[in-house]
Amino acid sequence: MLRYYFDVSNSYVASKLRTILFPFIKKDWDRQGANQGFLTPREDVNAPDLYIPSMAFTTWVLLIGIQAGRQQQYAFSLFTPHLVFP
């Protein structure tokens, strides 16, 4: 089930990031393949995915670690408020 949401290609990631950064340029927002079942994110840029959000979260956590390391305040307990959801 999760494999469907992570089935992406390099061109999909580039076009999805372009859509996120410049949504006013995109004209067609419809999903493709509605009659036979929706296509995977690899084939349809409008399909929902989990790759972009998971990479954004990973980058955010790494940037917090880099910032704390540069300030000589790095400790794993720094991450627990960001990694544990209430």
N, C-alpha and C. Protein backbone atom coordinates (compact mmCIF):
# COMPACT_ATOMS: atom_id res chain seq x y z
N MET A 1 0.81 -1.19 0.00
CA MET A 1 0.00 0.00 0.00
C MET A 1 0.86 1.27 0.00
N LEU A 2 1.89 1.31 0.83
CA LEU A 2 2.75 2.49 0.85
C LEU A 2 3.62 2.60 -0.38
N ARG A 3 3.90 1.47 -1.02
CA ARG A 3 4.74 1.49 -2.22
C ARG A 3 4.15 2.40 -3.30
N TYR A 4 2.82 2.43 -3.40
CA TYR A 4 2.15 3.29 -4.38
C TYR A 4 2.54 4.75 -4.18
N TYR A 5 2.60 5.22 -2.93
CA TYR A 5 2.86 6.63 -2.64
C TYR A 5 4.34 7.00 -2.78
N PHE A 6 5.22 6.02 -2.85
CA PHE A 6 6.65 6.30 -3.00
C PHE A 6 7.15 5.94 -4.40
N ASP A 7 6.26 5.60 -5.31
CA ASP A 7 6.63 5.24 -6.68
C ASP A 7 6.80 6.52 -7.50
N VAL A 8 7.98 7.13 -7.37
CA VAL A 8 8.25 8.40 -8.05
C VAL A 8 9.51 8.28 -8.90
N SER A 9 9.68 9.21 -9.81
CA SER A 9 10.88 9.27 -10.64
C SER A 9 11.51 10.65 -10.47
N ASN A 10 12.70 10.81 -11.01
CA ASN A 10 13.38 12.11 -10.92
C ASN A 10 12.59 13.20 -11.62
N SER A 11 12.01 12.89 -12.76
CA SER A 11 11.24 13.90 -13.48
C SER A 11 9.97 14.26 -12.71
N TYR A 12 9.37 13.28 -12.02
CA TYR A 12 8.19 13.57 -11.20
C TYR A 12 8.55 14.53 -10.08
N VAL A 13 9.66 14.27 -9.38
CA VAL A 13 10.07 15.13 -8.27
C VAL A 13 10.34 16.54 -8.77
N ALA A 14 11.02 16.68 -9.91
CA ALA A 14 11.31 18.00 -10.46
C ALA A 14 10.02 18.73 -10.82
N SER A 15 9.10 18.05 -11.48
CA SER A 15 7.86 18.72 -11.88
C SER A 15 6.97 19.01 -10.67
N LYS A 16 6.99 18.14 -9.65
CA LYS A 16 6.19 18.39 -8.44
C LYS A 16 6.75 19.59 -7.67
N LEU A 17 8.07 19.69 -7.55
CA LEU A 17 8.67 20.84 -6.89
C LEU A 17 8.38 22.13 -7.66
N ARG A 18 8.42 22.04 -8.98
CA ARG A 18 8.08 23.20 -9.81
C ARG A 18 6.63 23.61 -9.56
N THR A 19 5.72 22.63 -9.43
CA THR A 19 4.32 22.92 -9.17
C THR A 19 4.12 23.53 -7.78
N ILE A 20 4.87 23.04 -6.79
CA ILE A 20 4.76 23.58 -5.44
C ILE A 20 5.28 25.01 -5.37
N LEU A 21 6.39 25.28 -6.06
CA LEU A 21 6.98 26.62 -6.00
C LEU A 21 6.26 27.64 -6.88
N PHE A 22 5.72 27.18 -8.01
CA PHE A 22 5.05 28.08 -8.95
C PHE A 22 3.67 27.52 -9.34
N PRO A 23 2.71 27.48 -8.42
CA PRO A 23 1.40 26.88 -8.72
C PRO A 23 0.59 27.67 -9.75
N PHE A 24 0.88 28.94 -9.92
CA PHE A 24 0.12 29.77 -10.85
C PHE A 24 0.46 29.44 -12.30
N ILE A 25 1.54 28.73 -12.57
CA ILE A 25 1.91 28.35 -13.93
C ILE A 25 1.13 27.13 -14.41
N LYS A 26 0.78 26.26 -13.48
CA LYS A 26 0.10 25.00 -13.83
C LYS A 26 -1.33 25.27 -14.27
N LYS A 27 -1.72 24.63 -15.38
CA LYS A 27 -3.07 24.79 -15.92
C LYS A 27 -3.97 23.59 -15.62
N ASP A 28 -3.44 22.38 -15.74
CA ASP A 28 -4.24 21.16 -15.59
C ASP A 28 -4.02 20.55 -14.20
N TRP A 29 -5.06 20.53 -13.38
CA TRP A 29 -4.96 19.99 -12.02
C TRP A 29 -5.72 18.67 -11.87
N ASP A 30 -6.24 18.11 -12.95
CA ASP A 30 -7.02 16.87 -12.88
C ASP A 30 -6.12 15.65 -12.81
N ARG A 31 -6.59 14.64 -12.07
CA ARG A 31 -5.88 13.36 -12.02
C ARG A 31 -6.10 12.61 -13.33
N GLN A 32 -5.16 11.76 -13.71
CA GLN A 32 -5.26 11.00 -14.95
C GLN A 32 -5.66 9.56 -14.64
N GLY A 33 -6.39 8.96 -15.55
CA GLY A 33 -6.74 7.55 -15.43
C GLY A 33 -7.87 7.27 -14.48
N ALA A 34 -8.86 8.14 -14.37
CA ALA A 34 -9.94 7.96 -13.41
C ALA A 34 -10.84 6.77 -13.75
N ASN A 35 -10.99 6.43 -15.03
CA ASN A 35 -11.88 5.34 -15.42
C ASN A 35 -11.33 3.98 -15.06
N GLN A 36 -10.05 3.74 -15.25
CA GLN A 36 -9.44 2.45 -14.99
C GLN A 36 -8.77 2.39 -13.62
N GLY A 37 -8.82 3.41 -12.84
CA GLY A 37 -8.07 3.51 -11.59
C GLY A 37 -7.00 4.56 -11.78
N PHE A 38 -6.71 5.25 -10.73
CA PHE A 38 -5.75 6.34 -10.85
C PHE A 38 -4.34 5.83 -11.09
N LEU A 39 -3.56 6.63 -11.81
CA LEU A 39 -2.17 6.29 -12.10
C LEU A 39 -1.29 6.58 -10.89
N THR A 40 -0.12 5.98 -10.86
CA THR A 40 0.82 6.20 -9.78
C THR A 40 1.48 7.57 -9.94
N PRO A 41 2.13 8.07 -8.89
CA PRO A 41 2.81 9.36 -9.03
C PRO A 41 3.86 9.40 -10.13
N ARG A 42 4.46 8.25 -10.44
CA ARG A 42 5.45 8.20 -11.52
C ARG A 42 4.85 8.61 -12.85
N GLU A 43 3.57 8.27 -13.07
CA GLU A 43 2.92 8.55 -14.34
C GLU A 43 2.02 9.77 -14.33
N ASP A 44 1.66 10.27 -13.13
CA ASP A 44 0.73 11.39 -13.03
C ASP A 44 1.25 12.38 -11.99
N VAL A 45 1.60 13.58 -12.42
CA VAL A 45 2.18 14.58 -11.52
C VAL A 45 1.15 15.08 -10.50
N ASN A 46 -0.13 14.89 -10.75
CA ASN A 46 -1.16 15.34 -9.82
C ASN A 46 -1.54 14.28 -8.79
N ALA A 47 -0.91 13.12 -8.84
CA ALA A 47 -1.21 12.06 -7.88
C ALA A 47 -0.59 12.40 -6.52
N PRO A 48 -1.26 12.00 -5.44
CA PRO A 48 -0.68 12.25 -4.11
C PRO A 48 0.52 11.33 -3.88
N ASP A 49 1.50 11.83 -3.16
CA ASP A 49 2.68 11.04 -2.87
C ASP A 49 3.12 11.31 -1.44
N LEU A 50 4.00 10.48 -0.93
CA LEU A 50 4.59 10.69 0.39
C LEU A 50 6.08 10.96 0.31
N TYR A 51 6.65 10.90 -0.88
CA TYR A 51 8.08 11.12 -1.04
C TYR A 51 8.47 12.56 -0.73
N ILE A 52 7.78 13.52 -1.31
CA ILE A 52 8.11 14.93 -1.10
C ILE A 52 7.95 15.32 0.38
N PRO A 53 6.84 14.99 1.05
CA PRO A 53 6.73 15.35 2.48
C PRO A 53 7.76 14.66 3.36
N SER A 54 8.07 13.39 3.08
CA SER A 54 9.06 12.70 3.92
C SER A 54 10.46 13.27 3.71
N MET A 55 10.80 13.64 2.49
CA MET A 55 12.11 14.26 2.26
C MET A 55 12.17 15.67 2.85
N ALA A 56 11.07 16.40 2.84
CA ALA A 56 11.04 17.71 3.47
C ALA A 56 11.23 17.59 4.98
N PHE A 57 10.57 16.62 5.60
CA PHE A 57 10.72 16.41 7.04
C PHE A 57 12.14 15.99 7.39
N THR A 58 12.72 15.10 6.60
CA THR A 58 14.10 14.66 6.83
C THR A 58 15.06 15.82 6.70
N THR A 59 14.88 16.65 5.69
CA THR A 59 15.74 17.82 5.52
C THR A 59 15.61 18.78 6.68
N TRP A 60 14.38 18.97 7.16
CA TRP A 60 14.15 19.87 8.28
C TRP A 60 14.87 19.38 9.54
N VAL A 61 14.79 18.07 9.82
CA VAL A 61 15.46 17.51 10.99
C VAL A 61 16.98 17.64 10.85
N LEU A 62 17.50 17.38 9.66
CA LEU A 62 18.94 17.52 9.44
C LEU A 62 19.40 18.97 9.61
N LEU A 63 18.62 19.92 9.13
CA LEU A 63 18.98 21.33 9.29
C LEU A 63 18.96 21.75 10.76
N ILE A 64 18.04 21.22 11.54
CA ILE A 64 18.03 21.49 12.98
C ILE A 64 19.31 20.96 13.62
N GLY A 65 19.72 19.75 13.22
CA GLY A 65 20.96 19.17 13.74
C GLY A 65 22.19 19.96 13.34
N ILE A 66 22.25 20.42 12.11
CA ILE A 66 23.39 21.21 11.64
C ILE A 66 23.45 22.53 12.38
N GLN A 67 22.30 23.17 12.54
CA GLN A 67 22.27 24.45 13.26
C GLN A 67 22.70 24.27 14.71
N ALA A 68 22.23 23.24 15.38
CA ALA A 68 22.61 22.99 16.77
C ALA A 68 24.09 22.63 16.86
N GLY A 69 24.60 21.88 15.90
CA GLY A 69 26.02 21.53 15.89
C GLY A 69 26.92 22.73 15.69
N ARG A 70 26.50 23.65 14.88
CA ARG A 70 27.30 24.87 14.66
C ARG A 70 27.32 25.76 15.89
N GLN A 71 26.28 25.64 16.72
CA GLN A 71 26.22 26.44 17.95
C GLN A 71 26.77 25.66 19.15
N GLN A 72 27.37 24.50 18.92
CA GLN A 72 27.93 23.65 19.98
C GLN A 72 26.87 23.24 21.00
N GLN A 73 25.63 23.06 20.59
CA GLN A 73 24.55 22.67 21.48
C GLN A 73 23.89 21.38 21.03
N TYR A 74 24.60 20.55 20.32
CA TYR A 74 24.00 19.34 19.77
C TYR A 74 23.79 18.30 20.87
N ALA A 75 22.58 17.78 20.96
CA ALA A 75 22.23 16.67 21.83
C ALA A 75 21.01 15.99 21.23
N PHE A 76 20.92 14.69 21.39
CA PHE A 76 19.78 13.99 20.80
C PHE A 76 18.46 14.44 21.41
N SER A 77 18.48 14.90 22.65
CA SER A 77 17.25 15.37 23.28
C SER A 77 16.69 16.60 22.57
N LEU A 78 17.51 17.25 21.77
CA LEU A 78 17.05 18.38 20.97
C LEU A 78 15.98 17.95 19.96
N PHE A 79 16.08 16.71 19.46
CA PHE A 79 15.19 16.22 18.42
C PHE A 79 13.87 15.67 18.95
N THR A 80 13.81 15.26 20.19
CA THR A 80 12.61 14.60 20.68
C THR A 80 11.35 15.45 20.57
N PRO A 81 11.37 16.76 20.84
CA PRO A 81 10.13 17.52 20.63
C PRO A 81 9.69 17.56 19.17
N HIS A 82 10.62 17.42 18.23
CA HIS A 82 10.29 17.51 16.81
C HIS A 82 9.91 16.15 16.23
N LEU A 83 10.38 15.07 16.84
CA LEU A 83 10.11 13.74 16.29
C LEU A 83 8.92 13.05 16.95
N VAL A 84 8.56 13.45 18.14
CA VAL A 84 7.45 12.81 18.85
C VAL A 84 6.23 13.71 18.75
N PHE A 85 5.16 13.13 18.27
CA PHE A 85 3.92 13.89 18.12
C PHE A 85 3.06 13.70 19.36
N PRO A 86 2.41 14.75 19.82
CA PRO A 86 1.56 14.63 21.04
C PRO A 86 0.32 13.81 20.80
